[in-house]
Amino acid sequence: MKKLKVIQIGGEHDHAAPVFSSLRRQSDLFDVLGYVIPEDDLNYQFDGAKQYFAGSKPSEGAKKHFQDMPRYTLEEALKLPGLEGAVIETSEKKLTKYARIAAEHGLHVHMDKPGSEDGEEYQDLIRYMKEHGTVFSTGYMYRYNPAVKELLEMKKRGDLGEIVYVQAQMNCLHRPEKRDWLHLYKGGMMFFLGCHLIDLILQLQGEPEEVIPCNMCTGLDGVRGEDFGMALLRYPRGISFAKTTAVELGGFMRRQLVVAGTKATVEINPLEYSISGEVKNQCTDMFVTTTEDCARHGWGARGEKQTRGPVNRYDDMMRAWGEAALGLAPMPVDLDYEAKLHRYVLKASGIIK
């Protein structure tokens, strides 16, 4: 099978190293030519690319992902013979900028989430990709979570009935330096991680009637970033919410998605957990409670636990982009949806009304 010749631009994003590792691991689909660390990324955040690429070579902590791979300047990389795709993993503020550069060189683009805070810059990128017919993908890895995929199929089949509301949580515990870094982005945690939750809610319920951002800074440890993120999304039958914080002890294991429908309630809890601490061995627990369960068990009804996985949280995402770029399959969401999603991420972050 023909392979997609790709480069990665950036090492600053939190997903940069594992995404690059996923590309290399899937050698049946990708021919990884090397990587680029833009100079403006090296001097941007308190960690990220600095810890990986402070010198001319990756640090010890990143060698398992980047070892033995050539590092290019951006100009060198864009001139590589046969180059067809670029994976953009810069700092969040620079994602859309470098995605546009790659697109203008005729490349298929996978850009990590959520894109820049500049809504018009993002919409211009989407319009450009549509006009030139190249493939665009974003780094929303939960779209490829096996339980989430099953949930979306249930929705399509009508198994959920009418969805009344969705509750989505993505919490964690970050050190003070990381929480202070959030002040670079209005909306803080909602922009940084809550974008994943807005994606899930929109895919399940479509566009809301109203978005009410409720983001704030806890002030713990003297940090300036909005480390408590919440957004309410008003729908005709109820109010859904996305909640994401950086101050919750044990928060990662309580990341969850609850969908309440008239025929079934689906609880995915936790959204993912690792076996042996390895990202490649992540499972998901899913509970489906139906009207029949409630008729049999009353208020104590809860569906049996169903475990999905283990999977790598990035492999299916990168494979979907690679196969679409090679013309083997369509992307699971289209460019119009990506444009709409970005607008609602900005609304939930309080960046636009």
Protein backbone atom coordinates (compact mmCIF):
# COMPACT_ATOMS: atom_id res chain seq x y z
CA MET A 1 0.00 0.00 0.00
CA LYS A 2 1.18 3.53 -0.75
CA LYS A 3 2.41 5.40 2.33
CA LEU A 4 1.77 9.04 3.18
CA LYS A 5 5.01 11.04 3.41
CA VAL A 6 4.70 13.34 6.42
CA ILE A 7 6.58 15.72 8.67
CA GLN A 8 5.66 17.03 12.10
CA ILE A 9 5.88 20.76 12.74
CA GLY A 10 6.18 21.61 16.42
CA GLY A 11 6.93 19.92 19.71
CA GLU A 12 5.26 22.32 22.12
CA HIS A 13 1.75 20.87 22.25
CA ASP A 14 1.01 18.38 25.02
CA HIS A 15 0.22 15.74 22.37
CA ALA A 16 3.35 16.37 20.28
CA ALA A 17 5.50 13.48 21.45
CA PRO A 18 2.83 10.73 21.55
CA VAL A 19 1.40 11.77 18.16
CA PHE A 20 4.87 11.60 16.60
CA SER A 21 5.33 8.19 18.20
CA SER A 22 1.99 7.07 16.76
CA LEU A 23 3.03 8.14 13.26
CA ARG A 24 6.26 6.21 13.55
CA ARG A 25 4.56 3.14 14.97
CA GLN A 26 2.07 2.97 12.08
CA SER A 27 4.76 2.44 9.48
CA ASP A 28 2.37 0.59 7.19
CA LEU A 29 0.57 3.89 6.55
CA PHE A 30 3.05 6.70 7.24
CA ASP A 31 6.52 7.44 5.94
CA VAL A 32 7.75 9.90 8.58
CA LEU A 33 10.49 12.09 7.11
CA GLY A 34 11.38 14.06 10.23
CA TYR A 35 10.29 16.99 12.35
CA VAL A 36 10.55 20.78 12.66
CA ILE A 37 10.73 22.89 15.81
CA PRO A 38 9.93 26.49 14.84
CA GLU A 39 12.16 28.98 16.60
CA ASP A 40 9.22 30.97 17.96
CA ASP A 41 8.03 27.84 19.78
CA LEU A 42 11.34 27.38 21.60
CA ASN A 43 10.89 30.66 23.45
CA TYR A 44 7.15 30.50 24.13
CA GLN A 45 5.99 28.45 27.11
CA PHE A 46 7.48 27.35 30.39
CA ASP A 47 7.81 23.73 29.27
CA GLY A 48 6.76 21.75 26.20
CA ALA A 49 9.27 22.28 23.42
CA LYS A 50 11.79 23.79 25.81
CA GLN A 51 12.06 20.59 27.79
CA TYR A 52 12.24 18.49 24.62
CA PHE A 53 14.30 20.65 22.30
CA ALA A 54 16.35 23.08 24.37
CA GLY A 55 19.47 22.04 22.49
CA SER A 56 20.14 20.83 19.01
CA LYS A 57 18.75 17.40 19.85
CA PRO A 58 15.79 16.18 21.92
CA SER A 59 16.39 15.77 25.64
CA GLU A 60 16.65 12.37 27.30
CA GLY A 61 12.94 12.40 28.14
CA ALA A 62 11.91 12.74 24.50
CA LYS A 63 14.42 10.42 22.84
CA LYS A 64 12.04 7.48 22.80
CA HIS A 65 9.74 9.49 20.52
CA PHE A 66 12.17 11.49 18.38
CA GLN A 67 15.36 9.46 18.41
CA ASP A 68 17.07 8.73 15.10
CA MET A 69 14.78 11.10 13.21
CA PRO A 70 16.14 14.09 11.28
CA ARG A 71 15.32 17.58 12.45
CA TYR A 72 14.80 20.20 9.73
CA THR A 73 14.17 23.89 9.50
CA LEU A 74 10.70 24.71 8.23
CA GLU A 75 12.09 25.79 4.88
CA GLU A 76 14.06 22.55 4.51
CA ALA A 77 11.10 20.38 5.45
CA LEU A 78 8.68 21.99 3.01
CA LYS A 79 11.10 21.22 0.17
CA LEU A 80 11.43 17.50 0.96
CA PRO A 81 10.75 15.41 -2.17
CA GLY A 82 7.33 13.78 -2.22
CA LEU A 83 6.08 15.44 0.97
CA GLU A 84 2.29 15.09 1.18
CA GLY A 85 1.21 15.83 4.75
CA ALA A 86 2.07 17.86 7.84
CA VAL A 87 1.12 17.27 11.46
CA ILE A 88 0.98 20.53 13.43
CA GLU A 89 1.93 20.24 17.11
CA THR A 90 3.10 23.75 17.99
CA SER A 91 1.91 25.84 20.94
CA GLU A 92 -1.83 26.42 20.80
CA LYS A 93 -1.42 30.05 19.76
CA LYS A 94 0.57 29.03 16.67
CA LEU A 95 -1.42 25.99 15.49
CA THR A 96 -3.54 27.77 12.89
CA LYS A 97 -0.58 29.81 11.63
CA TYR A 98 1.52 26.75 10.80
CA ALA A 99 -1.47 24.78 9.53
CA ARG A 100 -2.07 27.57 7.00
CA ILE A 101 1.60 27.53 5.94
CA ALA A 102 1.39 23.78 5.36
CA ALA A 103 -1.90 24.12 3.49
CA GLU A 104 -0.46 26.78 1.19
CA HIS A 105 2.23 24.28 0.24
CA GLY A 106 -0.48 21.86 -0.90
CA LEU A 107 -0.18 19.52 2.09
CA HIS A 108 -2.84 17.52 3.88
CA VAL A 109 -2.97 18.80 7.46
CA HIS A 110 -3.57 17.26 10.85
CA MET A 111 -3.65 20.10 13.39
CA ASP A 112 -3.93 19.50 17.09
CA LYS A 113 -6.77 21.01 19.04
CA PRO A 114 -8.26 23.54 19.40
CA GLY A 115 -6.67 25.98 16.95
CA SER A 116 -5.82 29.59 17.75
CA GLU A 117 -8.01 32.04 19.65
CA ASP A 118 -8.41 34.05 16.44
CA GLY A 119 -11.73 32.87 15.08
CA GLU A 120 -11.40 34.57 11.70
CA GLU A 121 -7.91 33.11 11.18
CA TYR A 122 -9.37 29.65 11.80
CA GLN A 123 -12.34 30.18 9.51
CA ASP A 124 -9.98 31.40 6.77
CA LEU A 125 -7.98 28.19 7.14
CA ILE A 126 -11.13 26.08 6.78
CA ARG A 127 -12.19 28.02 3.69
CA TYR A 128 -8.74 27.55 2.17
CA MET A 129 -8.79 23.79 2.80
CA LYS A 130 -12.25 23.51 1.23
CA GLU A 131 -11.23 25.49 -1.84
CA HIS A 132 -8.11 23.42 -2.44
CA GLY A 133 -9.56 20.00 -1.60
CA THR A 134 -6.89 18.88 0.84
CA VAL A 135 -7.69 16.82 3.94
CA PHE A 136 -7.92 18.55 7.32
CA SER A 137 -8.07 16.78 10.67
CA THR A 138 -8.05 18.04 14.27
CA GLY A 139 -6.67 16.43 17.41
CA TYR A 140 -9.92 15.49 19.16
CA MET A 141 -8.87 11.99 20.15
CA TYR A 142 -12.08 11.16 22.05
CA ARG A 143 -13.90 10.97 18.72
CA TYR A 144 -12.00 7.71 18.28
CA ASN A 145 -12.54 6.36 21.80
CA PRO A 146 -14.26 2.97 21.29
CA ALA A 147 -17.04 3.70 23.79
CA VAL A 148 -17.68 7.15 22.30
CA LYS A 149 -17.83 5.65 18.80
CA GLU A 150 -20.35 3.10 20.04
CA LEU A 151 -22.38 5.86 21.72
CA LEU A 152 -22.53 7.86 18.48
CA GLU A 153 -23.71 4.76 16.62
CA MET A 154 -26.43 4.28 19.24
CA LYS A 155 -27.56 7.84 18.62
CA LYS A 156 -27.70 7.24 14.85
CA ARG A 157 -29.77 4.08 15.34
CA GLY A 158 -32.20 5.87 17.65
CA ASP A 159 -31.32 3.68 20.63
CA LEU A 160 -31.04 6.70 22.94
CA GLY A 161 -34.40 8.17 22.03
CA GLU A 162 -34.49 11.95 22.39
CA ILE A 163 -31.44 13.28 24.19
CA VAL A 164 -32.49 15.44 27.14
CA TYR A 165 -29.04 16.54 28.28
CA VAL A 166 -25.33 15.68 28.27
CA GLN A 167 -22.90 16.04 31.16
CA ALA A 168 -19.22 16.01 30.19
CA GLN A 169 -16.30 16.31 32.58
CA MET A 170 -12.54 16.34 31.95
CA ASN A 171 -10.75 17.15 35.20
CA CYS A 172 -7.16 16.76 36.34
CA LEU A 173 -4.59 18.08 38.80
CA HIS A 174 -1.92 20.33 37.29
CA ARG A 175 1.06 21.82 39.07
CA PRO A 176 0.90 25.59 39.76
CA GLU A 177 3.21 26.45 36.85
CA LYS A 178 0.88 24.78 34.37
CA ARG A 179 -2.18 26.44 35.87
CA ASP A 180 -0.48 29.82 35.71
CA TRP A 181 0.34 29.17 32.01
CA LEU A 182 -3.40 29.02 31.39
CA HIS A 183 -3.60 32.81 31.78
CA LEU A 184 -2.21 33.08 28.25
CA TYR A 185 -5.61 31.89 27.01
CA LYS A 186 -8.96 33.47 27.81
CA GLY A 187 -11.12 30.67 29.13
CA GLY A 188 -8.07 28.81 30.44
CA MET A 189 -9.05 25.20 30.98
CA MET A 190 -12.17 25.49 28.81
CA PHE A 191 -10.04 26.50 25.84
CA PHE A 192 -7.24 24.04 26.66
CA LEU A 193 -9.19 20.85 27.49
CA GLY A 194 -12.86 21.77 27.54
CA CYS A 195 -12.77 21.93 23.74
CA HIS A 196 -12.87 18.10 23.77
CA LEU A 197 -16.13 18.22 25.71
CA ILE A 198 -17.74 20.83 23.47
CA ASP A 199 -16.92 18.55 20.53
CA LEU A 200 -18.70 15.61 22.16
CA ILE A 201 -21.77 17.63 23.12
CA LEU A 202 -22.11 19.14 19.65
CA GLN A 203 -21.79 15.75 17.97
CA LEU A 204 -24.51 14.37 20.23
CA GLN A 205 -26.93 17.30 20.34
CA GLY A 206 -26.06 19.72 17.58
CA GLU A 207 -25.99 23.47 18.03
CA PRO A 208 -27.38 24.82 21.31
CA GLU A 209 -29.76 27.73 21.71
CA GLU A 210 -27.35 29.49 24.06
CA VAL A 211 -23.85 29.08 25.50
CA ILE A 212 -23.14 30.44 28.98
CA PRO A 213 -19.42 30.44 29.92
CA CYS A 214 -18.69 30.12 33.66
CA ASN A 215 -14.90 30.05 33.73
CA MET A 216 -12.84 31.42 36.60
CA CYS A 217 -9.49 31.48 38.33
CA THR A 218 -9.41 29.75 41.72
CA GLY A 219 -6.41 31.85 42.80
CA LEU A 220 -4.91 28.80 44.51
CA ASP A 221 -1.12 29.04 44.76
CA GLY A 222 -1.33 32.56 43.39
CA VAL A 223 -1.90 31.40 39.80
CA ARG A 224 -3.42 33.74 37.22
CA GLY A 225 -5.00 31.25 34.82
CA GLU A 226 -8.67 30.30 34.66
CA ASP A 227 -8.12 26.84 36.11
CA PHE A 228 -11.83 26.18 36.72
CA GLY A 229 -13.74 25.84 33.48
CA MET A 230 -17.45 25.34 32.96
CA ALA A 231 -19.87 26.12 30.19
CA LEU A 232 -23.64 25.61 30.10
CA LEU A 233 -25.27 24.80 26.77
CA ARG A 234 -29.01 25.38 26.62
CA TYR A 235 -31.10 22.99 24.49
CA PRO A 236 -34.90 22.73 24.09
CA ARG A 237 -35.25 19.87 26.62
CA GLY A 238 -32.53 20.70 29.12
CA ILE A 239 -29.15 22.22 29.88
CA SER A 240 -25.98 20.31 29.07
CA PHE A 241 -22.66 21.20 30.61
CA ALA A 242 -18.94 20.87 30.04
CA LYS A 243 -16.72 21.04 33.11
CA THR A 244 -12.94 20.94 33.21
CA THR A 245 -10.67 21.86 36.08
CA ALA A 246 -6.96 21.65 36.85
CA VAL A 247 -7.34 21.45 40.63
CA GLU A 248 -9.20 18.18 41.20
CA LEU A 249 -7.44 15.47 43.17
CA GLY A 250 -8.04 12.22 41.29
CA GLY A 251 -9.76 14.14 38.54
CA PHE A 252 -8.37 12.10 35.67
CA MET A 253 -10.14 8.95 36.85
CA ARG A 254 -13.43 10.87 37.06
CA ARG A 255 -13.38 12.14 33.50
CA GLN A 256 -16.78 11.09 32.25
CA LEU A 257 -19.54 11.52 29.71
CA VAL A 258 -23.19 11.02 30.65
CA VAL A 259 -25.93 11.14 28.03
CA ALA A 260 -29.53 11.07 29.28
CA GLY A 261 -32.01 10.00 26.61
CA THR A 262 -35.65 9.01 26.74
CA LYS A 263 -34.79 5.38 25.85
CA ALA A 264 -31.43 4.99 27.56
CA THR A 265 -28.85 6.69 29.73
CA VAL A 266 -25.25 6.04 28.73
CA GLU A 267 -22.45 6.65 31.21
CA ILE A 268 -18.84 6.46 30.07
CA ASN A 269 -16.85 6.60 33.28
CA PRO A 270 -13.97 6.98 33.28
CA LEU A 271 -13.46 8.16 29.72
CA GLU A 272 -10.14 6.35 29.74
CA TYR A 273 -7.72 4.72 32.14
CA SER A 274 -4.33 3.20 31.57
CA ILE A 275 -3.24 -0.36 32.11
CA SER A 276 0.34 -0.55 33.42
CA GLY A 277 0.56 3.23 33.07
CA GLU A 278 1.01 3.02 29.29
CA VAL A 279 -0.88 5.28 26.90
CA LYS A 280 -1.04 2.43 24.39
CA ASN A 281 -3.08 0.36 26.85
CA GLN A 282 -6.07 2.54 27.65
CA CYS A 283 -9.52 1.20 28.44
CA THR A 284 -12.95 2.75 28.85
CA ASP A 285 -15.83 1.64 31.06
CA MET A 286 -19.35 2.08 29.72
CA PHE A 287 -22.78 1.61 31.35
CA VAL A 288 -26.03 1.57 29.37
CA THR A 289 -29.24 1.80 31.41
CA THR A 290 -32.44 1.27 29.41
CA THR A 291 -36.13 1.73 30.06
CA GLU A 292 -36.33 -2.07 30.48
CA ASP A 293 -33.66 -1.95 33.20
CA CYS A 294 -35.66 0.70 35.03
CA ALA A 295 -38.87 -1.33 34.75
CA ARG A 296 -37.10 -4.33 36.32
CA HIS A 297 -34.99 -2.61 38.99
CA GLY A 298 -36.65 0.74 39.71
CA TRP A 299 -34.56 3.55 41.15
CA GLY A 300 -31.58 1.22 41.60
CA ALA A 301 -31.27 0.44 37.90
CA ARG A 302 -27.87 0.68 36.28
CA GLY A 303 -26.62 -1.22 33.26
CA GLU A 304 -23.77 -3.69 33.61
CA LYS A 305 -20.25 -2.40 33.17
CA GLN A 306 -18.87 -2.93 29.67
CA THR A 307 -15.14 -2.42 29.14
CA ARG A 308 -13.81 -1.28 25.78
CA GLY A 309 -10.13 -1.45 24.84
CA PRO A 310 -7.26 -1.46 25.41
CA VAL A 311 -6.37 0.95 22.62
CA ASN A 312 -3.88 3.73 22.00
CA ARG A 313 -5.71 7.05 22.25
CA TYR A 314 -3.89 8.49 19.20
CA ASP A 315 -3.54 5.61 16.74
CA ASP A 316 -7.07 5.56 15.29
CA MET A 317 -7.10 9.35 15.07
CA MET A 318 -3.91 9.49 13.05
CA ARG A 319 -4.91 6.51 10.92
CA ALA A 320 -8.23 8.17 10.02
CA TRP A 321 -6.36 11.24 8.76
CA GLY A 322 -3.77 9.20 6.89
CA GLU A 323 -6.37 7.04 5.15
CA ALA A 324 -8.41 10.10 4.19
CA ALA A 325 -5.31 11.82 2.79
CA LEU A 326 -4.61 8.74 0.66
CA GLY A 327 -8.22 8.66 -0.56
CA LEU A 328 -9.04 5.40 1.21
CA ALA A 329 -11.85 6.67 3.46
CA PRO A 330 -13.63 9.93 4.35
CA MET A 331 -12.97 11.82 7.56
CA PRO A 332 -15.57 11.15 10.28
CA VAL A 333 -16.51 14.85 10.44
CA ASP A 334 -16.46 17.42 7.65
CA LEU A 335 -14.94 20.88 7.40
CA ASP A 336 -18.24 22.65 8.03
CA TYR A 337 -18.47 20.85 11.37
CA GLU A 338 -14.87 21.77 12.26
CA ALA A 339 -15.65 25.42 11.55
CA LYS A 340 -18.79 25.29 13.70
CA LEU A 341 -17.00 23.50 16.54
CA HIS A 342 -14.29 26.16 16.75
CA ARG A 343 -16.90 28.90 17.05
CA TYR A 344 -18.54 27.11 19.96
CA VAL A 345 -15.21 26.48 21.69
CA LEU A 346 -14.57 30.22 21.52
CA LYS A 347 -18.08 30.91 22.89
CA ALA A 348 -17.63 28.44 25.76
CA SER A 349 -14.26 30.07 26.53
CA GLY A 350 -15.82 33.53 26.61
CA ILE A 351 -13.69 34.73 23.69
CA ILE A 352 -16.67 35.56 21.49
CA LYS A 353 -20.38 36.00 22.22
